[in-house]
Amino acid sequence: MIDDLVLRRQVCFALYAASRALTDVYRPVLDPVGLTYPQYLVLLVLWERDGDAPSVSALGAELRLDSGTLSPLLKRLEGAGLVVRRRATDDERRVEVELTEAGRALRQRVADVPARVARATGLGVDELVALRDTLTRVTETIHRQKEQ
């Protein structure tokens, strides 16, 4: 009989340890441009949607962050002059987030971040794509089950 209550057999611990290790790889890569890893994630969404200012709630949903976590991130990004938050013209209750010119320009300065992080993993492109797809499927399955 295999004992399942052993740390090294736990998928959750492997994910946790890998997540922490990857986050540690981002730190020295993002520090020179003054970003934290969560701020970088916010900017990734905004760069992808440039020209289409998402609401704070839509941004939070995409990043799977609650407003208590997202609001301070946005405040710091706004303080750095990278984003602006504005009330929607058609609905004063909705706050939209938009990149500034400085926020758009920063995209070029971090263009090499994905490649640098990928190299640090020691995995090939196909392995990274398979890993990402598997993790995405796990996340989506768990979220679907929680909603039922």
N, C-alpha and C. Protein backbone atom coordinates (compact mmCIF):
# COMPACT_ATOMS: atom_id res chain seq x y z
N MET A 1 0.84 -1.18 0.00
CA MET A 1 0.00 0.00 0.00
C MET A 1 0.89 1.25 0.00
N ILE A 2 0.56 2.18 -0.88
CA ILE A 2 1.32 3.43 -0.98
C ILE A 2 0.70 4.45 -0.03
N ASP A 3 1.55 5.10 0.74
CA ASP A 3 1.08 6.13 1.66
C ASP A 3 0.93 7.45 0.90
N ASP A 4 -0.32 7.90 0.72
CA ASP A 4 -0.58 9.16 0.01
C ASP A 4 -0.30 10.38 0.87
N LEU A 5 -0.14 10.19 2.16
CA LEU A 5 0.08 11.32 3.05
C LEU A 5 1.58 11.58 3.25
N VAL A 6 2.25 11.76 2.12
CA VAL A 6 3.67 12.07 2.10
C VAL A 6 3.82 13.34 1.27
N LEU A 7 4.56 14.29 1.78
CA LEU A 7 4.66 15.60 1.14
C LEU A 7 5.07 15.51 -0.33
N ARG A 8 6.08 14.73 -0.64
CA ARG A 8 6.59 14.68 -2.01
C ARG A 8 5.58 14.08 -2.99
N ARG A 9 4.54 13.44 -2.50
CA ARG A 9 3.50 12.87 -3.37
C ARG A 9 2.35 13.84 -3.64
N GLN A 10 2.37 14.98 -3.00
CA GLN A 10 1.26 15.93 -3.10
C GLN A 10 1.41 16.84 -4.31
N VAL A 11 0.43 16.80 -5.20
CA VAL A 11 0.41 17.69 -6.35
C VAL A 11 0.36 19.14 -5.89
N CYS A 12 -0.44 19.40 -4.85
CA CYS A 12 -0.58 20.77 -4.37
C CYS A 12 0.76 21.35 -3.92
N PHE A 13 1.59 20.54 -3.28
CA PHE A 13 2.88 21.06 -2.84
C PHE A 13 3.81 21.30 -4.03
N ALA A 14 3.78 20.41 -5.00
CA ALA A 14 4.61 20.60 -6.20
C ALA A 14 4.22 21.89 -6.91
N LEU A 15 2.91 22.15 -7.01
CA LEU A 15 2.44 23.40 -7.63
C LEU A 15 2.86 24.62 -6.81
N TYR A 16 2.70 24.52 -5.51
CA TYR A 16 3.06 25.61 -4.61
C TYR A 16 4.55 25.94 -4.72
N ALA A 17 5.38 24.91 -4.65
CA ALA A 17 6.83 25.11 -4.71
C ALA A 17 7.25 25.66 -6.07
N ALA A 18 6.65 25.15 -7.14
CA ALA A 18 6.97 25.64 -8.49
C ALA A 18 6.53 27.09 -8.65
N SER A 19 5.38 27.42 -8.12
CA SER A 19 4.88 28.80 -8.20
C SER A 19 5.81 29.76 -7.48
N ARG A 20 6.23 29.38 -6.30
CA ARG A 20 7.16 30.24 -5.54
C ARG A 20 8.50 30.38 -6.27
N ALA A 21 8.98 29.27 -6.82
CA ALA A 21 10.26 29.30 -7.53
C ALA A 21 10.17 30.21 -8.77
N LEU A 22 9.08 30.10 -9.51
CA LEU A 22 8.90 30.95 -10.69
C LEU A 22 8.78 32.42 -10.31
N THR A 23 8.04 32.69 -9.25
CA THR A 23 7.91 34.07 -8.79
C THR A 23 9.27 34.63 -8.41
N ASP A 24 10.11 33.80 -7.80
CA ASP A 24 11.47 34.22 -7.45
C ASP A 24 12.32 34.54 -8.69
N VAL A 25 12.05 33.85 -9.79
CA VAL A 25 12.77 34.13 -11.04
C VAL A 25 12.36 35.50 -11.58
N TYR A 26 11.10 35.85 -11.43
CA TYR A 26 10.61 37.14 -11.94
C TYR A 26 11.21 38.34 -11.20
N ARG A 27 11.46 38.18 -9.91
CA ARG A 27 11.89 39.33 -9.10
C ARG A 27 13.09 40.07 -9.69
N PRO A 28 14.23 39.41 -9.93
CA PRO A 28 15.38 40.16 -10.46
C PRO A 28 15.17 40.64 -11.89
N VAL A 29 14.25 40.04 -12.61
CA VAL A 29 13.97 40.45 -13.98
C VAL A 29 13.10 41.71 -13.99
N LEU A 30 12.16 41.80 -13.05
CA LEU A 30 11.22 42.92 -13.02
C LEU A 30 11.68 44.09 -12.15
N ASP A 31 12.53 43.81 -11.16
CA ASP A 31 13.02 44.89 -10.28
C ASP A 31 13.60 46.08 -11.03
N PRO A 32 14.43 45.86 -12.06
CA PRO A 32 15.02 47.01 -12.75
C PRO A 32 14.01 47.97 -13.39
N VAL A 33 12.82 47.47 -13.71
CA VAL A 33 11.79 48.34 -14.29
C VAL A 33 10.76 48.77 -13.25
N GLY A 34 11.00 48.40 -11.98
CA GLY A 34 10.15 48.86 -10.90
C GLY A 34 8.82 48.16 -10.77
N LEU A 35 8.74 46.92 -11.26
CA LEU A 35 7.49 46.17 -11.19
C LEU A 35 7.61 44.98 -10.25
N THR A 36 6.49 44.64 -9.64
CA THR A 36 6.37 43.38 -8.93
C THR A 36 5.71 42.38 -9.87
N TYR A 37 5.76 41.12 -9.52
CA TYR A 37 5.14 40.09 -10.35
C TYR A 37 3.63 40.34 -10.52
N PRO A 38 2.87 40.61 -9.44
CA PRO A 38 1.43 40.87 -9.64
C PRO A 38 1.16 42.11 -10.51
N GLN A 39 1.98 43.14 -10.38
CA GLN A 39 1.81 44.32 -11.23
C GLN A 39 2.07 43.96 -12.70
N TYR A 40 3.05 43.13 -12.93
CA TYR A 40 3.36 42.66 -14.28
C TYR A 40 2.16 41.92 -14.87
N LEU A 41 1.50 41.09 -14.06
CA LEU A 41 0.33 40.36 -14.55
C LEU A 41 -0.78 41.32 -14.95
N VAL A 42 -1.02 42.35 -14.13
CA VAL A 42 -2.03 43.36 -14.46
C VAL A 42 -1.68 44.01 -15.80
N LEU A 43 -0.43 44.39 -15.96
CA LEU A 43 -0.01 45.04 -17.20
C LEU A 43 -0.13 44.11 -18.41
N LEU A 44 0.14 42.82 -18.23
CA LEU A 44 -0.03 41.87 -19.33
C LEU A 44 -1.46 41.93 -19.87
N VAL A 45 -2.43 41.93 -18.97
CA VAL A 45 -3.84 41.99 -19.41
C VAL A 45 -4.11 43.30 -20.12
N LEU A 46 -3.63 44.40 -19.55
CA LEU A 46 -3.88 45.71 -20.15
C LEU A 46 -3.19 45.86 -21.51
N TRP A 47 -1.97 45.34 -21.65
CA TRP A 47 -1.30 45.39 -22.95
C TRP A 47 -2.07 44.58 -23.99
N GLU A 48 -2.59 43.44 -23.56
CA GLU A 48 -3.35 42.59 -24.47
C GLU A 48 -4.63 43.28 -24.92
N ARG A 49 -5.22 44.06 -24.03
CA ARG A 49 -6.50 44.71 -24.32
C ARG A 49 -6.35 46.19 -24.65
N ASP A 50 -5.16 46.65 -24.96
CA ASP A 50 -4.94 48.08 -25.16
C ASP A 50 -5.97 48.66 -26.12
N GLY A 51 -6.55 49.77 -25.71
CA GLY A 51 -7.61 50.40 -26.49
C GLY A 51 -8.99 50.01 -26.00
N ASP A 52 -9.07 48.97 -25.20
CA ASP A 52 -10.34 48.50 -24.64
C ASP A 52 -10.17 48.48 -23.12
N ALA A 53 -10.45 49.61 -22.48
CA ALA A 53 -10.22 49.74 -21.04
C ALA A 53 -11.17 48.83 -20.26
N PRO A 54 -10.64 47.77 -19.64
CA PRO A 54 -11.51 46.88 -18.86
C PRO A 54 -11.92 47.53 -17.54
N SER A 55 -13.02 47.07 -17.02
CA SER A 55 -13.42 47.52 -15.68
C SER A 55 -12.53 46.83 -14.66
N VAL A 56 -12.48 47.41 -13.48
CA VAL A 56 -11.70 46.81 -12.39
C VAL A 56 -12.23 45.40 -12.12
N SER A 57 -13.55 45.23 -12.14
CA SER A 57 -14.10 43.90 -11.85
C SER A 57 -13.76 42.90 -12.95
N ALA A 58 -13.76 43.32 -14.22
CA ALA A 58 -13.39 42.42 -15.31
C ALA A 58 -11.91 42.04 -15.22
N LEU A 59 -11.09 43.01 -14.87
CA LEU A 59 -9.66 42.77 -14.70
C LEU A 59 -9.44 41.77 -13.56
N GLY A 60 -10.14 41.96 -12.46
CA GLY A 60 -10.03 41.05 -11.33
C GLY A 60 -10.47 39.64 -11.69
N ALA A 61 -11.55 39.54 -12.47
CA ALA A 61 -12.04 38.22 -12.87
C ALA A 61 -11.02 37.51 -13.75
N GLU A 62 -10.42 38.24 -14.68
CA GLU A 62 -9.44 37.62 -15.57
C GLU A 62 -8.20 37.17 -14.82
N LEU A 63 -7.78 37.96 -13.84
CA LEU A 63 -6.59 37.63 -13.07
C LEU A 63 -6.89 36.75 -11.86
N ARG A 64 -8.16 36.51 -11.61
CA ARG A 64 -8.61 35.75 -10.44
C ARG A 64 -8.12 36.40 -9.14
N LEU A 65 -8.28 37.75 -9.10
CA LEU A 65 -7.91 38.52 -7.92
C LEU A 65 -9.14 39.24 -7.39
N ASP A 66 -9.29 39.27 -6.07
CA ASP A 66 -10.40 40.02 -5.50
C ASP A 66 -10.05 41.50 -5.45
N SER A 67 -11.05 42.33 -5.23
CA SER A 67 -10.83 43.78 -5.27
C SER A 67 -9.89 44.23 -4.16
N GLY A 68 -9.88 43.53 -3.03
CA GLY A 68 -8.98 43.89 -1.94
C GLY A 68 -7.51 43.70 -2.29
N THR A 69 -7.23 42.82 -3.22
CA THR A 69 -5.87 42.59 -3.69
C THR A 69 -5.57 43.47 -4.90
N LEU A 70 -6.54 43.58 -5.81
CA LEU A 70 -6.33 44.31 -7.05
C LEU A 70 -6.24 45.83 -6.85
N SER A 71 -7.08 46.38 -5.99
CA SER A 71 -7.10 47.84 -5.82
C SER A 71 -5.74 48.42 -5.41
N PRO A 72 -5.04 47.83 -4.42
CA PRO A 72 -3.72 48.37 -4.09
C PRO A 72 -2.71 48.24 -5.25
N LEU A 73 -2.82 47.16 -6.03
CA LEU A 73 -1.93 47.01 -7.19
C LEU A 73 -2.17 48.14 -8.18
N LEU A 74 -3.45 48.42 -8.45
CA LEU A 74 -3.79 49.48 -9.39
C LEU A 74 -3.36 50.84 -8.86
N LYS A 75 -3.51 51.03 -7.56
CA LYS A 75 -3.10 52.30 -6.96
C LYS A 75 -1.61 52.54 -7.16
N ARG A 76 -0.80 51.49 -6.95
CA ARG A 76 0.65 51.63 -7.13
C ARG A 76 1.01 51.84 -8.61
N LEU A 77 0.32 51.13 -9.50
CA LEU A 77 0.57 51.33 -10.93
C LEU A 77 0.17 52.73 -11.37
N GLU A 78 -0.92 53.23 -10.80
CA GLU A 78 -1.36 54.59 -11.11
C GLU A 78 -0.36 55.60 -10.56
N GLY A 79 0.12 55.37 -9.35
CA GLY A 79 1.12 56.24 -8.75
C GLY A 79 2.42 56.28 -9.55
N ALA A 80 2.73 55.18 -10.21
CA ALA A 80 3.94 55.11 -11.04
C ALA A 80 3.70 55.71 -12.43
N GLY A 81 2.47 56.14 -12.68
CA GLY A 81 2.15 56.76 -13.97
C GLY A 81 1.96 55.78 -15.10
N LEU A 82 1.69 54.50 -14.78
CA LEU A 82 1.54 53.48 -15.81
C LEU A 82 0.10 53.24 -16.23
N VAL A 83 -0.84 53.51 -15.34
CA VAL A 83 -2.27 53.35 -15.64
C VAL A 83 -3.04 54.52 -15.06
N VAL A 84 -4.26 54.68 -15.55
CA VAL A 84 -5.21 55.61 -14.95
C VAL A 84 -6.51 54.85 -14.74
N ARG A 85 -7.18 55.21 -13.66
CA ARG A 85 -8.51 54.65 -13.38
C ARG A 85 -9.52 55.78 -13.56
N ARG A 86 -10.60 55.46 -14.27
CA ARG A 86 -11.63 56.46 -14.53
C ARG A 86 -13.01 55.82 -14.36
N ARG A 87 -13.94 56.64 -13.93
CA ARG A 87 -15.33 56.18 -13.89
C ARG A 87 -15.84 56.08 -15.32
N ALA A 88 -16.57 55.03 -15.60
CA ALA A 88 -17.13 54.84 -16.94
C ALA A 88 -18.15 55.95 -17.22
N THR A 89 -18.16 56.44 -18.43
CA THR A 89 -19.08 57.53 -18.77
C THR A 89 -20.53 57.05 -18.79
N ASP A 90 -20.74 55.79 -19.12
CA ASP A 90 -22.12 55.28 -19.20
C ASP A 90 -22.62 54.69 -17.89
N ASP A 91 -21.73 54.51 -16.91
CA ASP A 91 -22.14 53.94 -15.63
C ASP A 91 -21.14 54.38 -14.56
N GLU A 92 -21.51 55.36 -13.78
CA GLU A 92 -20.62 55.93 -12.76
C GLU A 92 -20.14 54.91 -11.73
N ARG A 93 -20.86 53.80 -11.60
CA ARG A 93 -20.46 52.79 -10.62
C ARG A 93 -19.26 51.98 -11.09
N ARG A 94 -19.06 51.93 -12.40
CA ARG A 94 -17.99 51.11 -12.97
C ARG A 94 -16.72 51.95 -13.14
N VAL A 95 -15.60 51.39 -12.66
CA VAL A 95 -14.30 52.03 -12.82
C VAL A 95 -13.52 51.25 -13.87
N GLU A 96 -13.00 51.97 -14.84
CA GLU A 96 -12.22 51.36 -15.91
C GLU A 96 -10.74 51.68 -15.74
N VAL A 97 -9.91 50.78 -16.23
CA VAL A 97 -8.45 50.93 -16.11
C VAL A 97 -7.87 51.04 -17.51
N GLU A 98 -7.03 52.04 -17.68
CA GLU A 98 -6.44 52.30 -18.99
C GLU A 98 -4.94 52.53 -18.85
N LEU A 99 -4.20 52.07 -19.84
CA LEU A 99 -2.76 52.32 -19.87
C LEU A 99 -2.48 53.78 -20.19
N THR A 100 -1.41 54.31 -19.62
CA THR A 100 -0.90 55.61 -20.03
C THR A 100 0.14 55.37 -21.12
N GLU A 101 0.66 56.45 -21.68
CA GLU A 101 1.74 56.29 -22.66
C GLU A 101 2.95 55.62 -22.02
N ALA A 102 3.24 55.97 -20.78
CA ALA A 102 4.37 55.33 -20.07
C ALA A 102 4.11 53.84 -19.88
N GLY A 103 2.86 53.48 -19.60
CA GLY A 103 2.50 52.08 -19.45
C GLY A 103 2.66 51.32 -20.75
N ARG A 104 2.28 51.96 -21.85
CA ARG A 104 2.45 51.32 -23.17
C ARG A 104 3.94 51.16 -23.49
N ALA A 105 4.72 52.19 -23.21
CA ALA A 105 6.15 52.17 -23.52
C ALA A 105 6.89 51.10 -22.72
N LEU A 106 6.42 50.83 -21.52
CA LEU A 106 7.08 49.83 -20.67
C LEU A 106 7.04 48.44 -21.29
N ARG A 107 6.05 48.19 -22.12
CA ARG A 107 5.90 46.88 -22.77
C ARG A 107 7.19 46.48 -23.50
N GLN A 108 7.78 47.41 -24.21
CA GLN A 108 9.02 47.12 -24.94
C GLN A 108 10.18 46.80 -24.01
N ARG A 109 10.20 47.44 -22.85
CA ARG A 109 11.30 47.22 -21.90
C ARG A 109 11.24 45.84 -21.25
N VAL A 110 10.07 45.21 -21.25
CA VAL A 110 9.94 43.90 -20.61
C VAL A 110 9.66 42.80 -21.64
N ALA A 111 9.86 43.10 -22.90
CA ALA A 111 9.56 42.14 -23.96
C ALA A 111 10.32 40.82 -23.81
N ASP A 112 11.49 40.85 -23.18
CA ASP A 112 12.30 39.64 -23.05
C ASP A 112 11.98 38.84 -21.78
N VAL A 113 11.08 39.33 -20.96
CA VAL A 113 10.78 38.65 -19.69
C VAL A 113 10.31 37.21 -19.90
N PRO A 114 9.33 36.94 -20.77
CA PRO A 114 8.90 35.54 -20.93
C PRO A 114 10.03 34.59 -21.33
N ALA A 115 10.89 35.03 -22.23
CA ALA A 115 12.00 34.17 -22.67
C ALA A 115 13.00 33.94 -21.54
N ARG A 116 13.27 34.97 -20.77
CA ARG A 116 14.22 34.83 -19.65
C ARG A 116 13.68 33.87 -18.60
N VAL A 117 12.40 33.98 -18.31
CA VAL A 117 11.79 33.09 -17.32
C VAL A 117 11.73 31.67 -17.87
N ALA A 118 11.39 31.52 -19.13
CA ALA A 118 11.34 30.18 -19.74
C ALA A 118 12.70 29.50 -19.66
N ARG A 119 13.77 30.24 -19.96
CA ARG A 119 15.12 29.66 -19.87
C ARG A 119 15.43 29.18 -18.46
N ALA A 120 14.96 29.92 -17.48
CA ALA A 120 15.25 29.56 -16.09
C ALA A 120 14.59 28.25 -15.68
N THR A 121 13.53 27.85 -16.37
CA THR A 121 12.84 26.60 -16.02
C THR A 121 13.60 25.37 -16.48
N GLY A 122 14.43 25.53 -17.50
CA GLY A 122 15.12 24.37 -18.05
C GLY A 122 14.24 23.50 -18.93
N LEU A 123 13.02 23.95 -19.21
CA LEU A 123 12.10 23.19 -20.04
C LEU A 123 12.12 23.72 -21.47
N GLY A 124 11.83 22.84 -22.41
CA GLY A 124 11.71 23.25 -23.81
C GLY A 124 10.36 23.90 -24.06
N VAL A 125 10.22 24.51 -25.22
CA VAL A 125 8.98 25.21 -25.57
C VAL A 125 7.79 24.26 -25.51
N ASP A 126 7.92 23.08 -26.10
CA ASP A 126 6.80 22.12 -26.09
C ASP A 126 6.41 21.72 -24.67
N GLU A 127 7.42 21.52 -23.82
CA GLU A 127 7.13 21.16 -22.43
C GLU A 127 6.43 22.30 -21.70
N LEU A 128 6.86 23.53 -21.94
CA LEU A 128 6.23 24.68 -21.29
C LEU A 128 4.79 24.85 -21.75
N VAL A 129 4.54 24.68 -23.04
CA VAL A 129 3.18 24.79 -23.56
C VAL A 129 2.30 23.70 -22.96
N ALA A 130 2.80 22.48 -22.90
CA ALA A 130 2.03 21.38 -22.31
C ALA A 130 1.75 21.63 -20.83
N LEU A 131 2.75 22.12 -20.11
CA LEU A 131 2.57 22.43 -18.69
C LEU A 131 1.52 23.52 -18.51
N ARG A 132 1.64 24.60 -19.27
CA ARG A 132 0.67 25.70 -19.18
C ARG A 132 -0.74 25.20 -19.48
N ASP A 133 -0.88 24.40 -20.54
CA ASP A 133 -2.21 23.91 -20.92
C ASP A 133 -2.79 23.00 -19.84
N THR A 134 -1.96 22.15 -19.26
CA THR A 134 -2.42 21.27 -18.18
C THR A 134 -2.85 22.07 -16.96
N LEU A 135 -2.04 23.03 -16.57
CA LEU A 135 -2.38 23.85 -15.40
C LEU A 135 -3.64 24.67 -15.65
N THR A 136 -3.80 25.18 -16.86
CA THR A 136 -5.02 25.93 -17.21
C THR A 136 -6.23 25.02 -17.10
N ARG A 137 -6.12 23.81 -17.60
CA ARG A 137 -7.23 22.85 -17.54
C ARG A 137 -7.58 22.52 -16.09
N VAL A 138 -6.58 22.31 -15.25
CA VAL A 138 -6.82 22.03 -13.82
C VAL A 138 -7.55 23.20 -13.18
N THR A 139 -7.07 24.41 -13.43
CA THR A 139 -7.68 25.61 -12.85
C THR A 139 -9.13 25.75 -13.29
N GLU A 140 -9.37 25.62 -14.58
CA GLU A 140 -10.74 25.77 -15.10
C GLU A 140 -11.66 24.69 -14.55
N THR A 141 -11.19 23.47 -14.45
CA THR A 141 -12.01 22.38 -13.91
C THR A 141 -12.38 22.66 -12.46
N ILE A 142 -11.43 23.06 -11.67
CA ILE A 142 -11.71 23.35 -10.25
C ILE A 142 -12.69 24.51 -10.13
N HIS A 143 -12.51 25.56 -10.91
CA HIS A 143 -13.43 26.70 -10.84
C HIS A 143 -14.83 26.32 -11.29
N ARG A 144 -14.94 25.50 -12.32
CA ARG A 144 -16.27 25.03 -12.76
C ARG A 144 -16.95 24.23 -11.66
N GLN A 145 -16.21 23.36 -11.00
CA GLN A 145 -16.78 22.55 -9.94
C GLN A 145 -17.23 23.41 -8.76
N LYS A 146 -16.48 24.46 -8.45
CA LYS A 146 -16.86 25.36 -7.36
C LYS A 146 -18.15 26.10 -7.67
N GLU A 147 -18.40 26.39 -8.96
CA GLU A 147 -19.58 27.15 -9.35
C GLU A 147 -20.84 26.30 -9.38
N GLN A 148 -20.70 24.99 -9.35
CA GLN A 148 -21.87 24.10 -9.41
C GLN A 148 -22.55 23.97 -8.08
